[in-house]
Amino acid sequence: MAKKEYKRMSIKETTQITRQLNAIYKAAHLLQEHFVDKKVSFVGEVSTVAFIFSTTNFMHLCGIDYRRGTHLFF
């Protein structure tokens, strides 16, 4: 499998992320409180899909490639 290549953030993109850090920390707290290590089921008309969230999924859910790990957010 090919290694994923990510582009380096521009100064403008870094500024935008920095402005949103408070919201990211609030989202991490919400995820930790309500979802981490819990089984969550989404029930549809035809089928049910179950997920177990972990802290390692957090930055992926935010759409951010953060290589230092999620431990700084939890």
C-alpha atoms as a PDB file:
ATOM      1  CA  MET A   1       0.000   0.000   0.000  1.00  0.00           C
ATOM      2  CA  ALA A   2       1.339   3.429  -0.920  1.00  0.00           C
ATOM      3  CA  LYS A   3       2.289   5.828   1.863  1.00  0.00           C
ATOM      4  CA  LYS A   4      -0.145   8.729   2.202  1.00  0.00           C
ATOM      5  CA  GLU A   5       1.312  12.041   1.209  1.00  0.00           C
ATOM      6  CA  TYR A   6       0.024  15.164   2.936  1.00  0.00           C
ATOM      7  CA  LYS A   7       0.742  18.707   1.874  1.00  0.00           C
ATOM      8  CA  ARG A   8       2.400  21.037   4.329  1.00  0.00           C
ATOM      9  CA  MET A   9       0.014  23.657   5.739  1.00  0.00           C
ATOM     10  CA  SER A  10       0.411  27.202   4.517  1.00  0.00           C
ATOM     11  CA  ILE A  11       0.690  30.108   6.960  1.00  0.00           C
ATOM     12  CA  LYS A  12      -2.953  30.954   6.242  1.00  0.00           C
ATOM     13  CA  GLU A  13      -4.068  27.378   6.993  1.00  0.00           C
ATOM     14  CA  THR A  14      -1.975  27.282  10.179  1.00  0.00           C
ATOM     15  CA  THR A  15      -3.629  30.510  11.328  1.00  0.00           C
ATOM     16  CA  GLN A  16      -7.083  29.078  10.608  1.00  0.00           C
ATOM     17  CA  ILE A  17      -6.347  25.914  12.626  1.00  0.00           C
ATOM     18  CA  THR A  18      -4.875  27.961  15.488  1.00  0.00           C
ATOM     19  CA  ARG A  19      -8.059  30.036  15.650  1.00  0.00           C
ATOM     20  CA  GLN A  20     -10.090  26.831  15.962  1.00  0.00           C
ATOM     21  CA  LEU A  21      -8.005  25.183  18.710  1.00  0.00           C
ATOM     22  CA  ASN A  22     -10.528  26.060  21.432  1.00  0.00           C
ATOM     23  CA  ALA A  23     -13.293  24.332  19.453  1.00  0.00           C
ATOM     24  CA  ILE A  24     -11.023  21.307  18.881  1.00  0.00           C
ATOM     25  CA  TYR A  25     -10.334  21.023  22.633  1.00  0.00           C
ATOM     26  CA  LYS A  26     -14.086  21.283  23.383  1.00  0.00           C
ATOM     27  CA  ALA A  27     -14.804  18.566  20.813  1.00  0.00           C
ATOM     28  CA  ALA A  28     -12.107  16.349  22.374  1.00  0.00           C
ATOM     29  CA  HIS A  29     -13.717  16.775  25.796  1.00  0.00           C
ATOM     30  CA  LEU A  30     -17.170  15.939  24.392  1.00  0.00           C
ATOM     31  CA  LEU A  31     -15.820  12.866  22.598  1.00  0.00           C
ATOM     32  CA  GLN A  32     -13.992  11.724  25.746  1.00  0.00           C
ATOM     33  CA  GLU A  33     -17.044  12.217  27.953  1.00  0.00           C
ATOM     34  CA  HIS A  34     -19.681  10.632  25.738  1.00  0.00           C
ATOM     35  CA  PHE A  35     -18.070   8.333  23.170  1.00  0.00           C
ATOM     36  CA  VAL A  36     -14.539   7.070  23.929  1.00  0.00           C
ATOM     37  CA  ASP A  37     -14.461   3.365  24.828  1.00  0.00           C
ATOM     38  CA  LYS A  38     -18.231   3.124  24.432  1.00  0.00           C
ATOM     39  CA  LYS A  39     -20.165   1.197  21.819  1.00  0.00           C
ATOM     40  CA  VAL A  40     -22.371   3.533  19.792  1.00  0.00           C
ATOM     41  CA  SER A  41     -24.948   2.087  17.420  1.00  0.00           C
ATOM     42  CA  PHE A  42     -26.475   3.936  14.502  1.00  0.00           C
ATOM     43  CA  VAL A  43     -29.805   2.343  13.659  1.00  0.00           C
ATOM     44  CA  GLY A  44     -31.225   2.701  10.178  1.00  0.00           C
ATOM     45  CA  GLU A  45     -34.346   1.332   8.532  1.00  0.00           C
ATOM     46  CA  VAL A  46     -32.470  -1.608   7.029  1.00  0.00           C
ATOM     47  CA  SER A  47     -29.410  -2.152   9.192  1.00  0.00           C
ATOM     48  CA  THR A  48     -27.504  -1.155  12.317  1.00  0.00           C
ATOM     49  CA  VAL A  49     -23.855  -0.126  12.406  1.00  0.00           C
ATOM     50  CA  ALA A  50     -21.923  -0.166  15.677  1.00  0.00           C
ATOM     51  CA  PHE A  51     -18.770   1.831  16.425  1.00  0.00           C
ATOM     52  CA  ILE A  52     -16.371   1.911  19.336  1.00  0.00           C
ATOM     53  CA  PHE A  53     -14.568   5.242  19.444  1.00  0.00           C
ATOM     54  CA  SER A  54     -11.041   5.688  20.762  1.00  0.00           C
ATOM     55  CA  THR A  55      -8.881   8.758  21.312  1.00  0.00           C
ATOM     56  CA  THR A  56      -6.686   7.681  18.403  1.00  0.00           C
ATOM     57  CA  ASN A  57      -9.602   8.373  16.038  1.00  0.00           C
ATOM     58  CA  PHE A  58     -10.010  11.990  17.134  1.00  0.00           C
ATOM     59  CA  MET A  59      -7.750  13.865  14.717  1.00  0.00           C
ATOM     60  CA  HIS A  60      -8.989  11.693  11.854  1.00  0.00           C
ATOM     61  CA  LEU A  61     -12.548  12.715  12.739  1.00  0.00           C
ATOM     62  CA  CYS A  62     -11.403  16.344  12.682  1.00  0.00           C
ATOM     63  CA  GLY A  63      -9.857  15.823   9.255  1.00  0.00           C
ATOM     64  CA  ILE A  64      -6.383  16.722  10.481  1.00  0.00           C
ATOM     65  CA  ASP A  65      -3.157  14.776  10.036  1.00  0.00           C
ATOM     66  CA  TYR A  66      -1.544  15.339  13.431  1.00  0.00           C
ATOM     67  CA  ARG A  67       1.577  13.229  13.786  1.00  0.00           C
ATOM     68  CA  ARG A  68       2.385  13.966  17.436  1.00  0.00           C
ATOM     69  CA  GLY A  69      -0.577  11.910  18.643  1.00  0.00           C
ATOM     70  CA  THR A  70      -3.779  12.824  20.399  1.00  0.00           C
ATOM     71  CA  HIS A  71      -2.422  12.716  23.956  1.00  0.00           C
ATOM     72  CA  LEU A  72      -2.106  16.533  23.977  1.00  0.00           C
ATOM     73  CA  PHE A  73      -5.865  16.858  23.555  1.00  0.00           C
ATOM     74  CA  PHE A  74      -6.933  14.416  26.275  1.00  0.00           C
END
